Amino acid sequence: MRSQAKTQPPAQLLAGYTGENYFDEMLDAEGQPRPHYRRFRELFQSFAPSEFELKRQSVDLAFLRQGVTFNVYGDSAGTEKIFPFDLLPRIIPAAEWKESSAASSSASPR
């Protein structure tokens, strides 16, 4: 079986996406990727929508098989629901994490 070379699809997943009127972790106010998101965004844009959908389905199946589910009581279907999981990470630079961590630890009662 011959392997086929993977061609890069056009950047589609974030086409037309803007972070207008709210804070966006990935994009700055001008719509440019923040420094800590640049590499991730490049990699993310290399996926075709169908490829991303397959990855999402794989995560859903893994969660279902591993029991990462919940029930909604009162739901007429009464079935297990897969725990929602976002494949887009929230990347927090170390300096921001340190600042946030320090603020939350000083605010919590001991």
C-alpha atoms as a PDB file:
ATOM      1  CA  MET A   1       0.000   0.000   0.000  1.00  0.00           C
ATOM      2  CA  ARG A   2       1.437   3.339  -1.028  1.00  0.00           C
ATOM      3  CA  SER A   3       1.155   6.289   1.270  1.00  0.00           C
ATOM      4  CA  GLN A   4      -0.200   9.415  -0.276  1.00  0.00           C
ATOM      5  CA  ALA A   5       1.395  12.767   0.347  1.00  0.00           C
ATOM      6  CA  LYS A   6      -0.816  14.959   2.472  1.00  0.00           C
ATOM      7  CA  THR A   7      -1.615  18.225   0.771  1.00  0.00           C
ATOM      8  CA  GLN A   8      -2.219  21.254   2.906  1.00  0.00           C
ATOM      9  CA  PRO A   9      -5.841  22.398   2.703  1.00  0.00           C
ATOM     10  CA  PRO A  10      -6.552  26.104   2.542  1.00  0.00           C
ATOM     11  CA  ALA A  11      -6.981  27.743   5.930  1.00  0.00           C
ATOM     12  CA  GLN A  12     -10.671  27.130   6.481  1.00  0.00           C
ATOM     13  CA  LEU A  13     -11.355  26.432  10.118  1.00  0.00           C
ATOM     14  CA  LEU A  14     -10.959  30.005  11.278  1.00  0.00           C
ATOM     15  CA  ALA A  15     -11.874  31.708   8.003  1.00  0.00           C
ATOM     16  CA  GLY A  16     -14.004  34.729   8.778  1.00  0.00           C
ATOM     17  CA  TYR A  17     -13.527  34.354  12.518  1.00  0.00           C
ATOM     18  CA  THR A  18     -13.007  37.604  14.377  1.00  0.00           C
ATOM     19  CA  GLY A  19     -12.827  38.326  18.062  1.00  0.00           C
ATOM     20  CA  GLU A  20     -14.962  41.426  17.882  1.00  0.00           C
ATOM     21  CA  ASN A  21     -16.773  42.913  20.883  1.00  0.00           C
ATOM     22  CA  TYR A  22     -15.372  40.533  23.488  1.00  0.00           C
ATOM     23  CA  PHE A  23     -12.057  39.358  24.884  1.00  0.00           C
ATOM     24  CA  ASP A  24     -10.534  36.627  22.783  1.00  0.00           C
ATOM     25  CA  GLU A  25      -7.753  34.450  24.179  1.00  0.00           C
ATOM     26  CA  MET A  26      -6.341  33.737  20.719  1.00  0.00           C
ATOM     27  CA  LEU A  27      -6.674  37.056  18.872  1.00  0.00           C
ATOM     28  CA  ASP A  28      -5.781  40.582  19.907  1.00  0.00           C
ATOM     29  CA  ALA A  29      -7.999  43.627  19.298  1.00  0.00           C
ATOM     30  CA  GLU A  30      -6.699  43.913  15.702  1.00  0.00           C
ATOM     31  CA  GLY A  31      -7.605  40.288  14.963  1.00  0.00           C
ATOM     32  CA  GLN A  32      -3.983  39.107  14.981  1.00  0.00           C
ATOM     33  CA  PRO A  33      -2.950  35.985  16.895  1.00  0.00           C
ATOM     34  CA  ARG A  34      -1.435  36.669  20.291  1.00  0.00           C
ATOM     35  CA  PRO A  35       2.239  35.596  20.461  1.00  0.00           C
ATOM     36  CA  HIS A  36       1.519  32.517  22.595  1.00  0.00           C
ATOM     37  CA  TYR A  37      -1.140  31.322  20.121  1.00  0.00           C
ATOM     38  CA  ARG A  38       0.748  31.810  16.843  1.00  0.00           C
ATOM     39  CA  ARG A  39       2.187  28.300  16.525  1.00  0.00           C
ATOM     40  CA  PHE A  40      -1.046  26.627  17.631  1.00  0.00           C
ATOM     41  CA  ARG A  41      -3.064  28.672  15.136  1.00  0.00           C
ATOM     42  CA  GLU A  42      -0.708  27.670  12.312  1.00  0.00           C
ATOM     43  CA  LEU A  43      -1.110  24.004  13.189  1.00  0.00           C
ATOM     44  CA  PHE A  44      -4.862  24.306  13.660  1.00  0.00           C
ATOM     45  CA  GLN A  45      -5.275  25.974  10.281  1.00  0.00           C
ATOM     46  CA  SER A  46      -3.571  22.986   8.640  1.00  0.00           C
ATOM     47  CA  PHE A  47      -6.598  20.778   9.419  1.00  0.00           C
ATOM     48  CA  ALA A  48      -9.403  20.385   6.922  1.00  0.00           C
ATOM     49  CA  PRO A  49     -12.835  20.712   8.579  1.00  0.00           C
ATOM     50  CA  SER A  50     -13.469  16.995   7.987  1.00  0.00           C
ATOM     51  CA  GLU A  51     -10.172  16.100   9.692  1.00  0.00           C
ATOM     52  CA  PHE A  52     -11.036  18.243  12.716  1.00  0.00           C
ATOM     53  CA  GLU A  53     -14.477  16.612  12.889  1.00  0.00           C
ATOM     54  CA  LEU A  54     -12.854  13.154  12.940  1.00  0.00           C
ATOM     55  CA  LYS A  55     -10.633  14.259  15.824  1.00  0.00           C
ATOM     56  CA  ARG A  56     -13.661  15.564  17.719  1.00  0.00           C
ATOM     57  CA  GLN A  57     -15.521  12.294  17.145  1.00  0.00           C
ATOM     58  CA  SER A  58     -12.482  10.337  18.367  1.00  0.00           C
ATOM     59  CA  VAL A  59     -12.448  12.306  21.619  1.00  0.00           C
ATOM     60  CA  ASP A  60     -16.203  11.779  22.066  1.00  0.00           C
ATOM     61  CA  LEU A  61     -15.814   8.022  21.538  1.00  0.00           C
ATOM     62  CA  ALA A  62     -12.868   7.834  23.947  1.00  0.00           C
ATOM     63  CA  PHE A  63     -14.850   9.735  26.596  1.00  0.00           C
ATOM     64  CA  LEU A  64     -17.857   7.441  26.108  1.00  0.00           C
ATOM     65  CA  ARG A  65     -15.734   4.290  26.376  1.00  0.00           C
ATOM     66  CA  GLN A  66     -13.938   5.585  29.472  1.00  0.00           C
ATOM     67  CA  GLY A  67     -17.150   6.676  31.175  1.00  0.00           C
ATOM     68  CA  VAL A  68     -16.532  10.410  31.029  1.00  0.00           C
ATOM     69  CA  THR A  69     -20.272  10.989  30.864  1.00  0.00           C
ATOM     70  CA  PHE A  70     -23.131  12.415  32.893  1.00  0.00           C
ATOM     71  CA  ASN A  71     -26.891  12.043  33.135  1.00  0.00           C
ATOM     72  CA  VAL A  72     -29.368  14.871  32.996  1.00  0.00           C
ATOM     73  CA  TYR A  73     -32.061  13.953  35.459  1.00  0.00           C
ATOM     74  CA  GLY A  74     -35.505  14.690  34.140  1.00  0.00           C
ATOM     75  CA  ASP A  75     -34.327  14.324  30.530  1.00  0.00           C
ATOM     76  CA  SER A  76     -36.923  12.203  28.759  1.00  0.00           C
ATOM     77  CA  ALA A  77     -34.216  10.369  26.777  1.00  0.00           C
ATOM     78  CA  GLY A  78     -32.503   9.336  30.017  1.00  0.00           C
ATOM     79  CA  THR A  79     -29.272   8.556  28.224  1.00  0.00           C
ATOM     80  CA  GLU A  80     -25.719   9.265  29.190  1.00  0.00           C
ATOM     81  CA  LYS A  81     -24.298  12.397  27.684  1.00  0.00           C
ATOM     82  CA  ILE A  82     -20.653  12.804  26.819  1.00  0.00           C
ATOM     83  CA  PHE A  83     -18.905  15.376  28.963  1.00  0.00           C
ATOM     84  CA  PRO A  84     -18.390  18.468  26.771  1.00  0.00           C
ATOM     85  CA  PHE A  85     -14.780  19.002  25.813  1.00  0.00           C
ATOM     86  CA  ASP A  86     -13.391  21.808  23.681  1.00  0.00           C
ATOM     87  CA  LEU A  87     -10.548  20.779  21.390  1.00  0.00           C
ATOM     88  CA  LEU A  88      -9.329  24.378  21.259  1.00  0.00           C
ATOM     89  CA  PRO A  89      -6.987  24.869  24.200  1.00  0.00           C
ATOM     90  CA  ARG A  90      -6.868  27.965  26.335  1.00  0.00           C
ATOM     91  CA  ILE A  91      -3.180  28.816  26.298  1.00  0.00           C
ATOM     92  CA  ILE A  92      -2.057  30.911  29.233  1.00  0.00           C
ATOM     93  CA  PRO A  93       1.504  32.274  29.218  1.00  0.00           C
ATOM     94  CA  ALA A  94       3.531  31.415  32.324  1.00  0.00           C
ATOM     95  CA  ALA A  95       3.690  35.031  33.529  1.00  0.00           C
ATOM     96  CA  GLU A  96      -0.112  35.397  33.355  1.00  0.00           C
ATOM     97  CA  TRP A  97      -0.606  32.043  35.079  1.00  0.00           C
ATOM     98  CA  LYS A  98       1.785  33.044  37.861  1.00  0.00           C
ATOM     99  CA  GLU A  99      -0.037  36.349  38.333  1.00  0.00           C
ATOM    100  CA  SER A 100      -3.454  34.681  38.322  1.00  0.00           C
ATOM    101  CA  SER A 101      -2.313  31.931  40.654  1.00  0.00           C
ATOM    102  CA  ALA A 102      -0.841  34.439  43.100  1.00  0.00           C
ATOM    103  CA  ALA A 103      -4.032  36.516  43.038  1.00  0.00           C
ATOM    104  CA  SER A 104      -6.285  33.510  43.655  1.00  0.00           C
ATOM    105  CA  SER A 105      -4.133  32.097  46.462  1.00  0.00           C
ATOM    106  CA  SER A 106      -4.047  35.452  48.275  1.00  0.00           C
ATOM    107  CA  ALA A 107      -7.818  35.827  47.898  1.00  0.00           C
ATOM    108  CA  SER A 108      -8.772  32.395  49.266  1.00  0.00           C
ATOM    109  CA  PRO A 109      -9.386  32.037  53.004  1.00  0.00           C
ATOM    110  CA  ARG A 110      -7.078  29.781  54.963  1.00  0.00           C
END
